[in-house]
PDB file of N, CA and C in Angstrom:
ATOM      1  N   MET A   1      70.925  -1.004  50.150  1.00  0.00           N
ATOM      2  CA  MET A   1      70.228  -2.169  49.638  1.00  0.00           C
ATOM      3  C   MET A   1      69.062  -1.699  48.773  1.00  0.00           C
ATOM      4  N   LEU A   2      68.855  -2.396  47.692  1.00  0.00           N
ATOM      5  CA  LEU A   2      67.726  -2.082  46.834  1.00  0.00           C
ATOM      6  C   LEU A   2      66.444  -2.631  47.436  1.00  0.00           C
ATOM      7  N   MET A   3      65.339  -2.129  46.932  1.00  0.00           N
ATOM      8  CA  MET A   3      64.037  -2.595  47.417  1.00  0.00           C
ATOM      9  C   MET A   3      63.845  -4.070  47.100  1.00  0.00           C
ATOM     10  N   ASN A   4      63.399  -4.813  48.080  1.00  0.00           N
ATOM     11  CA  ASN A   4      63.042  -6.207  47.861  1.00  0.00           C
ATOM     12  C   ASN A   4      61.671  -6.245  47.210  1.00  0.00           C
ATOM     13  N   THR A   5      61.544  -7.029  46.167  1.00  0.00           N
ATOM     14  CA  THR A   5      60.251  -7.157  45.505  1.00  0.00           C
ATOM     15  C   THR A   5      59.548  -8.442  45.902  1.00  0.00           C
ATOM     16  N   LEU A   6      60.253  -9.327  46.586  1.00  0.00           N
ATOM     17  CA  LEU A   6      59.673 -10.593  47.025  1.00  0.00           C
ATOM     18  C   LEU A   6      59.613 -10.655  48.542  1.00  0.00           C
ATOM     19  N   TYR A   7      58.614 -11.329  49.035  1.00  0.00           N
ATOM     20  CA  TYR A   7      58.510 -11.524  50.477  1.00  0.00           C
ATOM     21  C   TYR A   7      59.560 -12.530  50.928  1.00  0.00           C
ATOM     22  N   ALA A   8      60.070 -12.346  52.127  1.00  0.00           N
ATOM     23  CA  ALA A   8      61.104 -13.222  52.675  1.00  0.00           C
ATOM     24  C   ALA A   8      60.601 -14.663  52.714  1.00  0.00           C
ATOM     25  N   ASP A   9      61.473 -15.603  52.336  1.00  0.00           N
ATOM     26  CA  ASP A   9      61.113 -17.016  52.391  1.00  0.00           C
ATOM     27  C   ASP A   9      60.901 -17.479  53.825  1.00  0.00           C
ATOM     28  N   ASN A  10      61.748 -16.979  54.701  1.00  0.00           N
ATOM     29  CA  ASN A  10      61.665 -17.350  56.119  1.00  0.00           C
ATOM     30  C   ASN A  10      61.484 -16.086  56.945  1.00  0.00           C
ATOM     31  N   GLU A  11      60.429 -16.063  57.735  1.00  0.00           N
ATOM     32  CA  GLU A  11      60.169 -14.916  58.602  1.00  0.00           C
ATOM     33  C   GLU A  11      61.243 -14.861  59.687  1.00  0.00           C
ATOM     34  N   PRO A  12      61.948 -13.718  59.814  1.00  0.00           N
ATOM     35  CA  PRO A  12      62.935 -13.625  60.888  1.00  0.00           C
ATOM     36  C   PRO A  12      62.235 -13.610  62.250  1.00  0.00           C
ATOM     37  N   SER A  13      62.965 -13.961  63.273  1.00  0.00           N
ATOM     38  CA  SER A  13      62.396 -13.918  64.623  1.00  0.00           C
ATOM     39  C   SER A  13      62.447 -12.484  65.136  1.00  0.00           C
ATOM     40  N   ARG A  14      61.669 -12.216  66.161  1.00  0.00           N
ATOM     41  CA  ARG A  14      61.691 -10.883  66.769  1.00  0.00           C
ATOM     42  C   ARG A  14      63.078 -10.604  67.347  1.00  0.00           C
ATOM     43  N   ALA A  15      63.718 -11.623  67.922  1.00  0.00           N
ATOM     44  CA  ALA A  15      65.066 -11.448  68.479  1.00  0.00           C
ATOM     45  C   ALA A  15      66.060 -11.056  67.388  1.00  0.00           C
ATOM     46  N   GLU A  16      65.930 -11.657  66.204  1.00  0.00           N
ATOM     47  CA  GLU A  16      66.819 -11.307  65.091  1.00  0.00           C
ATOM     48  C   GLU A  16      66.597  -9.858  64.658  1.00  0.00           C
ATOM     49  N   ILE A  17      65.349  -9.438  64.584  1.00  0.00           N
ATOM     50  CA  ILE A  17      65.041  -8.056  64.211  1.00  0.00           C
ATOM     51  C   ILE A  17      65.582  -7.092  65.265  1.00  0.00           C
ATOM     52  N   ASP A  18      65.333  -7.393  66.525  1.00  0.00           N
ATOM     53  CA  ASP A  18      65.792  -6.519  67.612  1.00  0.00           C
ATOM     54  C   ASP A  18      67.315  -6.393  67.647  1.00  0.00           C
ATOM     55  N   ALA A  19      68.033  -7.400  67.170  1.00  0.00           N
ATOM     56  CA  ALA A  19      69.497  -7.395  67.194  1.00  0.00           C
ATOM     57  C   ALA A  19      70.117  -6.725  65.969  1.00  0.00           C
ATOM     58  N   MET A  20      69.305  -6.362  64.988  1.00  0.00           N
ATOM     59  CA  MET A  20      69.847  -5.752  63.767  1.00  0.00           C
ATOM     60  C   MET A  20      70.413  -4.373  64.065  1.00  0.00           C
ATOM     61  N   THR A  21      71.486  -4.037  63.365  1.00  0.00           N
ATOM     62  CA  THR A  21      72.089  -2.720  63.515  1.00  0.00           C
ATOM     63  C   THR A  21      71.838  -1.900  62.260  1.00  0.00           C
ATOM     64  N   GLY A  22      71.835  -0.593  62.432  1.00  0.00           N
ATOM     65  CA  GLY A  22      71.622   0.301  61.311  1.00  0.00           C
ATOM     66  C   GLY A  22      70.158   0.480  60.990  1.00  0.00           C
ATOM     67  N   PRO A  23      69.885   1.129  59.844  1.00  0.00           N
ATOM     68  CA  PRO A  23      68.506   1.405  59.443  1.00  0.00           C
ATOM     69  C   PRO A  23      67.851   0.198  58.776  1.00  0.00           C
ATOM     70  N   VAL A  24      66.634  -0.113  59.210  1.00  0.00           N
ATOM     71  CA  VAL A  24      65.884  -1.250  58.675  1.00  0.00           C
ATOM     72  C   VAL A  24      64.447  -0.815  58.413  1.00  0.00           C
ATOM     73  N   LEU A  25      63.932  -1.214  57.270  1.00  0.00           N
ATOM     74  CA  LEU A  25      62.523  -1.009  56.944  1.00  0.00           C
ATOM     75  C   LEU A  25      61.857  -2.370  56.875  1.00  0.00           C
ATOM     76  N   LEU A  26      60.920  -2.624  57.783  1.00  0.00           N
ATOM     77  CA  LEU A  26      60.113  -3.832  57.738  1.00  0.00           C
ATOM     78  C   LEU A  26      58.811  -3.488  57.025  1.00  0.00           C
ATOM     79  N   GLU A  27      58.486  -4.259  56.012  1.00  0.00           N
ATOM     80  CA  GLU A  27      57.240  -4.053  55.273  1.00  0.00           C
ATOM     81  C   GLU A  27      56.371  -5.284  55.485  1.00  0.00           C
ATOM     82  N   PHE A  28      55.282  -5.119  56.221  1.00  0.00           N
ATOM     83  CA  PHE A  28      54.347  -6.215  56.458  1.00  0.00           C
ATOM     84  C   PHE A  28      53.194  -6.106  55.472  1.00  0.00           C
ATOM     85  N   GLY A  29      52.845  -7.233  54.856  1.00  0.00           N
ATOM     86  CA  GLY A  29      51.742  -7.238  53.916  1.00  0.00           C
ATOM     87  C   GLY A  29      51.506  -8.631  53.379  1.00  0.00           C
ATOM     88  N   ALA A  30      50.869  -8.694  52.217  1.00  0.00           N
ATOM     89  CA  ALA A  30      50.595  -9.961  51.548  1.00  0.00           C
ATOM     90  C   ALA A  30      50.637  -9.719  50.040  1.00  0.00           C
ATOM     91  N   PRO A  31      51.096 -10.700  49.273  1.00  0.00           N
ATOM     92  CA  PRO A  31      51.228 -10.492  47.830  1.00  0.00           C
ATOM     93  C   PRO A  31      49.901 -10.260  47.116  1.00  0.00           C
ATOM     94  N   TRP A  32      48.805 -10.726  47.666  1.00  0.00           N
ATOM     95  CA  TRP A  32      47.495 -10.562  47.034  1.00  0.00           C
ATOM     96  C   TRP A  32      46.755  -9.297  47.491  1.00  0.00           C
ATOM     97  N   CYS A  33      47.330  -8.564  48.435  1.00  0.00           N
ATOM     98  CA  CYS A  33      46.688  -7.372  49.012  1.00  0.00           C
ATOM     99  C   CYS A  33      46.766  -6.190  48.041  1.00  0.00           C
ATOM    100  N   GLY A  34      45.611  -5.650  47.665  1.00  0.00           N
ATOM    101  CA  GLY A  34      45.565  -4.510  46.753  1.00  0.00           C
ATOM    102  C   GLY A  34      46.255  -3.272  47.301  1.00  0.00           C
ATOM    103  N   HIS A  35      46.105  -3.006  48.598  1.00  0.00           N
ATOM    104  CA  HIS A  35      46.766  -1.852  49.211  1.00  0.00           C
ATOM    105  C   HIS A  35      48.283  -2.021  49.150  1.00  0.00           C
ATOM    106  N   CYS A  36      48.753  -3.246  49.369  1.00  0.00           N
ATOM    107  CA  CYS A  36      50.192  -3.539  49.322  1.00  0.00           C
ATOM    108  C   CYS A  36      50.731  -3.344  47.908  1.00  0.00           C
ATOM    109  N   GLN A  37      49.992  -3.838  46.929  1.00  0.00           N
ATOM    110  CA  GLN A  37      50.405  -3.688  45.536  1.00  0.00           C
ATOM    111  C   GLN A  37      50.466  -2.217  45.139  1.00  0.00           C
ATOM    112  N   ALA A  38      49.486  -1.438  45.580  1.00  0.00           N
ATOM    113  CA  ALA A  38      49.442  -0.012  45.236  1.00  0.00           C
ATOM    114  C   ALA A  38      50.603   0.752  45.854  1.00  0.00           C
ATOM    115  N   ALA A  39      51.097   0.310  46.991  1.00  0.00           N
ATOM    116  CA  ALA A  39      52.175   1.016  47.690  1.00  0.00           C
ATOM    117  C   ALA A  39      53.558   0.712  47.128  1.00  0.00           C
ATOM    118  N   GLN A  40      53.708  -0.311  46.296  1.00  0.00           N
ATOM    119  CA  GLN A  40      55.031  -0.731  45.854  1.00  0.00           C
ATOM    120  C   GLN A  40      55.797   0.362  45.111  1.00  0.00           C
ATOM    121  N   ALA A  41      55.163   1.065  44.199  1.00  0.00           N
ATOM    122  CA  ALA A  41      55.847   2.134  43.463  1.00  0.00           C
ATOM    123  C   ALA A  41      56.250   3.269  44.393  1.00  0.00           C
ATOM    124  N   LEU A  42      55.414   3.572  45.382  1.00  0.00           N
ATOM    125  CA  LEU A  42      55.728   4.635  46.345  1.00  0.00           C
ATOM    126  C   LEU A  42      56.940   4.251  47.189  1.00  0.00           C
ATOM    127  N   ILE A  43      56.958   3.006  47.646  1.00  0.00           N
ATOM    128  CA  ILE A  43      58.076   2.529  48.462  1.00  0.00           C
ATOM    129  C   ILE A  43      59.358   2.539  47.643  1.00  0.00           C
ATOM    130  N   ALA A  44      59.295   2.060  46.420  1.00  0.00           N
ATOM    131  CA  ALA A  44      60.474   2.022  45.554  1.00  0.00           C
ATOM    132  C   ALA A  44      61.028   3.421  45.312  1.00  0.00           C
ATOM    133  N   ALA A  45      60.150   4.377  45.035  1.00  0.00           N
ATOM    134  CA  ALA A  45      60.592   5.747  44.771  1.00  0.00           C
ATOM    135  C   ALA A  45      61.256   6.361  45.999  1.00  0.00           C
ATOM    136  N   ALA A  46      60.681   6.127  47.155  1.00  0.00           N
ATOM    137  CA  ALA A  46      61.235   6.711  48.385  1.00  0.00           C
ATOM    138  C   ALA A  46      62.510   6.018  48.816  1.00  0.00           C
ATOM    139  N   LEU A  47      62.607   4.726  48.601  1.00  0.00           N
ATOM    140  CA  LEU A  47      63.733   3.939  49.090  1.00  0.00           C
ATOM    141  C   LEU A  47      64.985   4.066  48.235  1.00  0.00           C
ATOM    142  N   SER A  48      64.849   4.408  46.961  1.00  0.00           N
ATOM    143  CA  SER A  48      65.985   4.380  46.039  1.00  0.00           C
ATOM    144  C   SER A  48      67.215   5.170  46.505  1.00  0.00           C
ATOM    145  N   PRO A  49      67.099   6.362  47.089  1.00  0.00           N
ATOM    146  CA  PRO A  49      68.324   7.043  47.522  1.00  0.00           C
ATOM    147  C   PRO A  49      68.875   6.546  48.866  1.00  0.00           C
ATOM    148  N   HIS A  50      68.188   5.648  49.505  1.00  0.00           N
ATOM    149  CA  HIS A  50      68.590   5.171  50.833  1.00  0.00           C
ATOM    150  C   HIS A  50      69.210   3.781  50.738  1.00  0.00           C
ATOM    151  N   GLN A  51      70.374   3.717  50.116  1.00  0.00           N
ATOM    152  CA  GLN A  51      71.036   2.443  49.860  1.00  0.00           C
ATOM    153  C   GLN A  51      71.471   1.720  51.128  1.00  0.00           C
ATOM    154  N   ALA A  52      71.615   2.431  52.237  1.00  0.00           N
ATOM    155  CA  ALA A  52      72.064   1.813  53.487  1.00  0.00           C
ATOM    156  C   ALA A  52      70.925   1.137  54.250  1.00  0.00           C
ATOM    157  N   VAL A  53      69.690   1.375  53.821  1.00  0.00           N
ATOM    158  CA  VAL A  53      68.537   0.819  54.535  1.00  0.00           C
ATOM    159  C   VAL A  53      68.320  -0.636  54.109  1.00  0.00           C
ATOM    160  N   CYS A  54      68.220  -1.507  55.084  1.00  0.00           N
ATOM    161  CA  CYS A  54      67.902  -2.914  54.850  1.00  0.00           C
ATOM    162  C   CYS A  54      66.382  -3.039  54.778  1.00  0.00           C
ATOM    163  N   HIS A  55      65.870  -3.435  53.623  1.00  0.00           N
ATOM    164  CA  HIS A  55      64.419  -3.549  53.404  1.00  0.00           C
ATOM    165  C   HIS A  55      64.033  -5.018  53.474  1.00  0.00           C
ATOM    166  N   ILE A  56      63.123  -5.356  54.387  1.00  0.00           N
ATOM    167  CA  ILE A  56      62.668  -6.732  54.548  1.00  0.00           C
ATOM    168  C   ILE A  56      61.157  -6.767  54.370  1.00  0.00           C
ATOM    169  N   LYS A  57      60.701  -7.500  53.350  1.00  0.00           N
ATOM    170  CA  LYS A  57      59.266  -7.687  53.112  1.00  0.00           C
ATOM    171  C   LYS A  57      58.845  -8.954  53.828  1.00  0.00           C
ATOM    172  N   ILE A  58      57.830  -8.841  54.662  1.00  0.00           N
ATOM    173  CA  ILE A  58      57.370  -9.975  55.449  1.00  0.00           C
ATOM    174  C   ILE A  58      55.895 -10.224  55.164  1.00  0.00           C
ATOM    175  N   GLU A  59      55.618 -11.435  54.682  1.00  0.00           N
ATOM    176  CA  GLU A  59      54.222 -11.801  54.451  1.00  0.00           C
ATOM    177  C   GLU A  59      53.561 -12.018  55.805  1.00  0.00           C
ATOM    178  N   ASP A  60      52.493 -11.294  56.024  1.00  0.00           N
ATOM    179  CA  ASP A  60      51.808 -11.329  57.311  1.00  0.00           C
ATOM    180  C   ASP A  60      50.490 -12.071  57.158  1.00  0.00           C
ATOM    181  N   GLY A  61      49.929 -12.473  58.271  1.00  0.00           N
ATOM    182  CA  GLY A  61      48.641 -13.148  58.253  1.00  0.00           C
ATOM    183  C   GLY A  61      48.476 -14.023  59.470  1.00  0.00           C
ATOM    184  N   ARG A  62      47.417 -14.789  59.454  1.00  0.00           N
ATOM    185  CA  ARG A  62      47.092 -15.677  60.568  1.00  0.00           C
ATOM    186  C   ARG A  62      48.275 -16.600  60.873  1.00  0.00           C
ATOM    187  N   GLY A  63      48.612 -16.683  62.153  1.00  0.00           N
ATOM    188  CA  GLY A  63      49.694 -17.557  62.586  1.00  0.00           C
ATOM    189  C   GLY A  63      51.083 -16.979  62.416  1.00  0.00           C
ATOM    190  N   ARG A  64      51.191 -15.746  61.980  1.00  0.00           N
ATOM    191  CA  ARG A  64      52.498 -15.113  61.780  1.00  0.00           C
ATOM    192  C   ARG A  64      52.840 -14.289  63.020  1.00  0.00           C
ATOM    193  N   ARG A  65      53.822 -14.725  63.747  1.00  0.00           N
ATOM    194  CA  ARG A  65      54.132 -14.130  65.047  1.00  0.00           C
ATOM    195  C   ARG A  65      54.796 -12.760  64.960  1.00  0.00           C
ATOM    196  N   LEU A  66      55.651 -12.551  63.971  1.00  0.00           N
ATOM    197  CA  LEU A  66      56.395 -11.294  63.925  1.00  0.00           C
ATOM    198  C   LEU A  66      55.449 -10.104  63.782  1.00  0.00           C
ATOM    199  N   GLY A  67      54.494 -10.204  62.889  1.00  0.00           N
ATOM    200  CA  GLY A  67      53.526  -9.120  62.729  1.00  0.00           C
ATOM    201  C   GLY A  67      52.752  -8.847  64.000  1.00  0.00           C
ATOM    202  N   ARG A  68      52.361  -9.906  64.689  1.00  0.00           N
ATOM    203  CA  ARG A  68      51.634  -9.726  65.956  1.00  0.00           C
ATOM    204  C   ARG A  68      52.522  -9.050  66.997  1.00  0.00           C
ATOM    205  N   SER A  69      53.812  -9.383  67.014  1.00  0.00           N
ATOM    206  CA  SER A  69      54.711  -8.788  68.010  1.00  0.00           C
ATOM    207  C   SER A  69      54.866  -7.284  67.802  1.00  0.00           C
ATOM    208  N   PHE A  70      54.630  -6.829  66.562  1.00  0.00           N
ATOM    209  CA  PHE A  70      54.690  -5.395  66.264  1.00  0.00           C
ATOM    210  C   PHE A  70      53.299  -4.758  66.256  1.00  0.00           C
ATOM    211  N   GLY A  71      52.259  -5.516  66.548  1.00  0.00           N
ATOM    212  CA  GLY A  71      50.906  -4.971  66.585  1.00  0.00           C
ATOM    213  C   GLY A  71      50.356  -4.609  65.216  1.00  0.00           C
ATOM    214  N   VAL A  72      50.793  -5.305  64.171  1.00  0.00           N
ATOM    215  CA  VAL A  72      50.319  -5.025  62.817  1.00  0.00           C
ATOM    216  C   VAL A  72      48.872  -5.487  62.685  1.00  0.00           C
ATOM    217  N   LYS A  73      48.014  -4.569  62.183  1.00  0.00           N
ATOM    218  CA  LYS A  73      46.599  -4.888  61.997  1.00  0.00           C
ATOM    219  C   LYS A  73      46.141  -4.649  60.565  1.00  0.00           C
ATOM    220  N   LEU A  74      46.756  -3.703  59.860  1.00  0.00           N
ATOM    221  CA  LEU A  74      46.397  -3.385  58.478  1.00  0.00           C
ATOM    222  C   LEU A  74      47.644  -3.473  57.606  1.00  0.00           C
ATOM    223  N   TRP A  75      47.428  -3.758  56.321  1.00  0.00           N
ATOM    224  CA  TRP A  75      48.539  -3.850  55.378  1.00  0.00           C
ATOM    225  C   TRP A  75      48.426  -2.772  54.324  1.00  0.00           C
ATOM    226  N   PRO A  76      49.517  -2.315  53.790  1.00  0.00           N
ATOM    227  CA  PRO A  76      50.846  -2.579  54.310  1.00  0.00           C
ATOM    228  C   PRO A  76      51.122  -1.738  55.542  1.00  0.00           C
ATOM    229  N   THR A  77      51.894  -2.282  56.429  1.00  0.00           N
ATOM    230  CA  THR A  77      52.428  -1.526  57.562  1.00  0.00           C
ATOM    231  C   THR A  77      53.935  -1.483  57.387  1.00  0.00           C
ATOM    232  N   LEU A  78      54.475  -0.276  57.365  1.00  0.00           N
ATOM    233  CA  LEU A  78      55.907  -0.071  57.248  1.00  0.00           C
ATOM    234  C   LEU A  78      56.441   0.337  58.612  1.00  0.00           C
ATOM    235  N   ILE A  79      57.411  -0.411  59.115  1.00  0.00           N
ATOM    236  CA  ILE A  79      58.009  -0.107  60.406  1.00  0.00           C
ATOM    237  C   ILE A  79      59.470   0.253  60.163  1.00  0.00           C
ATOM    238  N   PHE A  80      59.842   1.437  60.613  1.00  0.00           N
ATOM    239  CA  PHE A  80      61.175   1.979  60.397  1.00  0.00           C
ATOM    240  C   PHE A  80      61.969   1.836  61.692  1.00  0.00           C
ATOM    241  N   LEU A  81      63.058   1.066  61.620  1.00  0.00           N
ATOM    242  CA  LEU A  81      63.870   0.760  62.797  1.00  0.00           C
ATOM    243  C   LEU A  81      65.269   1.334  62.653  1.00  0.00           C
ATOM    244  N   ARG A  82      65.846   1.662  63.761  1.00  0.00           N
ATOM    245  CA  ARG A  82      67.263   2.054  63.820  1.00  0.00           C
ATOM    246  C   ARG A  82      67.868   1.265  64.961  1.00  0.00           C
ATOM    247  N   ASP A  83      68.856   0.431  64.657  1.00  0.00           N
ATOM    248  CA  ASP A  83      69.524  -0.408  65.660  1.00  0.00           C
ATOM    249  C   ASP A  83      68.516  -1.219  66.484  1.00  0.00           C
ATOM    250  N   GLY A  84      67.546  -1.812  65.792  1.00  0.00           N
ATOM    251  CA  GLY A  84      66.581  -2.697  66.426  1.00  0.00           C
ATOM    252  C   GLY A  84      65.444  -2.016  67.164  1.00  0.00           C
ATOM    253  N   GLN A  85      65.425  -0.699  67.169  1.00  0.00           N
ATOM    254  CA  GLN A  85      64.387   0.050  67.877  1.00  0.00           C
ATOM    255  C   GLN A  85      63.463   0.750  66.878  1.00  0.00           C
ATOM    256  N   GLU A  86      62.160   0.629  67.105  1.00  0.00           N
ATOM    257  CA  GLU A  86      61.210   1.308  66.227  1.00  0.00           C
ATOM    258  C   GLU A  86      61.310   2.813  66.402  1.00  0.00           C
ATOM    259  N   VAL A  87      61.437   3.511  65.264  1.00  0.00           N
ATOM    260  CA  VAL A  87      61.503   4.966  65.264  1.00  0.00           C
ATOM    261  C   VAL A  87      60.143   5.540  64.873  1.00  0.00           C
ATOM    262  N   THR A  88      59.547   4.954  63.847  1.00  0.00           N
ATOM    263  CA  THR A  88      58.228   5.406  63.394  1.00  0.00           C
ATOM    264  C   THR A  88      57.604   4.301  62.550  1.00  0.00           C
ATOM    265  N   ARG A  89      56.344   4.477  62.199  1.00  0.00           N
ATOM    266  CA  ARG A  89      55.665   3.523  61.322  1.00  0.00           C
ATOM    267  C   ARG A  89      54.641   4.249  60.479  1.00  0.00           C
ATOM    268  N   LEU A  90      54.330   3.651  59.348  1.00  0.00           N
ATOM    269  CA  LEU A  90      53.282   4.145  58.464  1.00  0.00           C
ATOM    270  C   LEU A  90      52.360   2.980  58.147  1.00  0.00           C
ATOM    271  N   VAL A  91      51.070   3.243  58.200  1.00  0.00           N
ATOM    272  CA  VAL A  91      50.075   2.231  57.860  1.00  0.00           C
ATOM    273  C   VAL A  91      49.349   2.700  56.606  1.00  0.00           C
ATOM    274  N   ARG A  92      49.367   1.864  55.592  1.00  0.00           N
ATOM    275  CA  ARG A  92      48.750   2.164  54.294  1.00  0.00           C
ATOM    276  C   ARG A  92      49.167   3.529  53.752  1.00  0.00           C
ATOM    277  N   PRO A  93      50.473   3.731  53.578  1.00  0.00           N
ATOM    278  CA  PRO A  93      50.925   5.023  53.046  1.00  0.00           C
ATOM    279  C   PRO A  93      50.379   5.243  51.645  1.00  0.00           C
ATOM    280  N   ASP A  94      50.014   6.505  51.363  1.00  0.00           N
ATOM    281  CA  ASP A  94      49.454   6.793  50.046  1.00  0.00           C
ATOM    282  C   ASP A  94      50.250   7.847  49.287  1.00  0.00           C
ATOM    283  N   ASP A  95      51.455   8.169  49.795  1.00  0.00           N
ATOM    284  CA  ASP A  95      52.326   9.091  49.075  1.00  0.00           C
ATOM    285  C   ASP A  95      53.785   8.776  49.409  1.00  0.00           C
ATOM    286  N   ALA A  96      54.652   9.002  48.430  1.00  0.00           N
ATOM    287  CA  ALA A  96      56.074   8.709  48.610  1.00  0.00           C
ATOM    288  C   ALA A  96      56.728   9.660  49.607  1.00  0.00           C
ATOM    289  N   GLU A  97      56.214  10.871  49.707  1.00  0.00           N
ATOM    290  CA  GLU A  97      56.847  11.862  50.590  1.00  0.00           C
ATOM    291  C   GLU A  97      56.797  11.440  52.054  1.00  0.00           C
ATOM    292  N   SER A  98      55.698  10.866  52.513  1.00  0.00           N
ATOM    293  CA  SER A  98      55.633  10.421  53.908  1.00  0.00           C
ATOM    294  C   SER A  98      56.635   9.290  54.152  1.00  0.00           C
ATOM    295  N   ILE A  99      56.836   8.439  53.164  1.00  0.00           N
ATOM    296  CA  ILE A  99      57.826   7.367  53.290  1.00  0.00           C
ATOM    297  C   ILE A  99      59.229   7.961  53.312  1.00  0.00           C
ATOM    298  N   ARG A 100      59.479   8.952  52.465  1.00  0.00           N
ATOM    299  CA  ARG A 100      60.793   9.627  52.460  1.00  0.00           C
ATOM    300  C   ARG A 100      61.099  10.259  53.820  1.00  0.00           C
ATOM    301  N   ARG A 101      60.117  10.921  54.394  1.00  0.00           N
ATOM    302  CA  ARG A 101      60.322  11.558  55.713  1.00  0.00           C
ATOM    303  C   ARG A 101      60.643  10.502  56.779  1.00  0.00           C
ATOM    304  N   ALA A 102      59.944   9.387  56.742  1.00  0.00           N
ATOM    305  CA  ALA A 102      60.197   8.328  57.715  1.00  0.00           C
ATOM    306  C   ALA A 102      61.588   7.727  57.509  1.00  0.00           C
ATOM    307  N   LEU A 103      61.985   7.535  56.244  1.00  0.00           N
ATOM    308  CA  LEU A 103      63.316   6.999  55.957  1.00  0.00           C
ATOM    309  C   LEU A 103      64.402   7.960  56.431  1.00  0.00           C
ATOM    310  N   ALA A 104      64.160   9.261  56.288  1.00  0.00           N
ATOM    311  CA  ALA A 104      65.138  10.256  56.737  1.00  0.00           C
ATOM    312  C   ALA A 104      65.369  10.170  58.248  1.00  0.00           C
ATOM    313  N   GLN A 105      64.379   9.704  58.979  1.00  0.00           N
ATOM    314  CA  GLN A 105      64.526   9.584  60.434  1.00  0.00           C
ATOM    315  C   GLN A 105      65.455   8.439  60.832  1.00  0.00           C
ATOM    316  N   ILE A 106      65.622   7.448  59.951  1.00  0.00           N
ATOM    317  CA  ILE A 106      66.468   6.299  60.303  1.00  0.00           C
ATOM    318  C   ILE A 106      67.773   6.245  59.518  1.00  0.00           C
ATOM    319  N   ASP A 107      67.890   7.020  58.460  1.00  0.00           N
ATOM    320  CA  ASP A 107      69.056   6.947  57.579  1.00  0.00           C
ATOM    321  C   ASP A 107      69.639   8.333  57.367  1.00  0.00           C
ATOM    322  N   ALA A 108      70.951   8.393  57.289  1.00  0.00           N
ATOM    323  CA  ALA A 108      71.625   9.671  57.100  1.00  0.00           C
ATOM    324  C   ALA A 108      71.695  10.075  55.628  1.00  0.00           C
ATOM    325  N   ALA A 109      71.291   9.183  54.702  1.00  0.00           N
ATOM    326  CA  ALA A 109      71.347   9.513  53.260  1.00  0.00           C
ATOM    327  C   ALA A 109      70.326  10.587  52.937  1.00  0.00           C
ATOM    328  N   PRO A 110      70.547  11.320  51.836  1.00  0.00           N
ATOM    329  CA  PRO A 110      69.614  12.392  51.459  1.00  0.00           C
ATOM    330  C   PRO A 110      68.233  11.877  51.105  1.00  0.00           C
TER     331      PRO A 110
END
């Protein structure tokens, strides 16, 4: 899957996330967040060879339950899942290489 550039219209439930199979990247943030905007090119560069990874952008904030269920406090927070289980996470990544390493932990692609 290619990188999503838009936040999901409907926030998935925690049960839906937990039931997902395969590699999943959850990206929590907000469209107006400067840190989130700065990370977009890094995420795109790291994600491009990982076509099997399902990338879901979730707008986080007050009243958003999914982010709270994952303990998200700063944006962007990237949560890397394999078969519904968290493998690792990055908070405010500032280089593509750390994202690549995290993606390698959930995906068999190079």
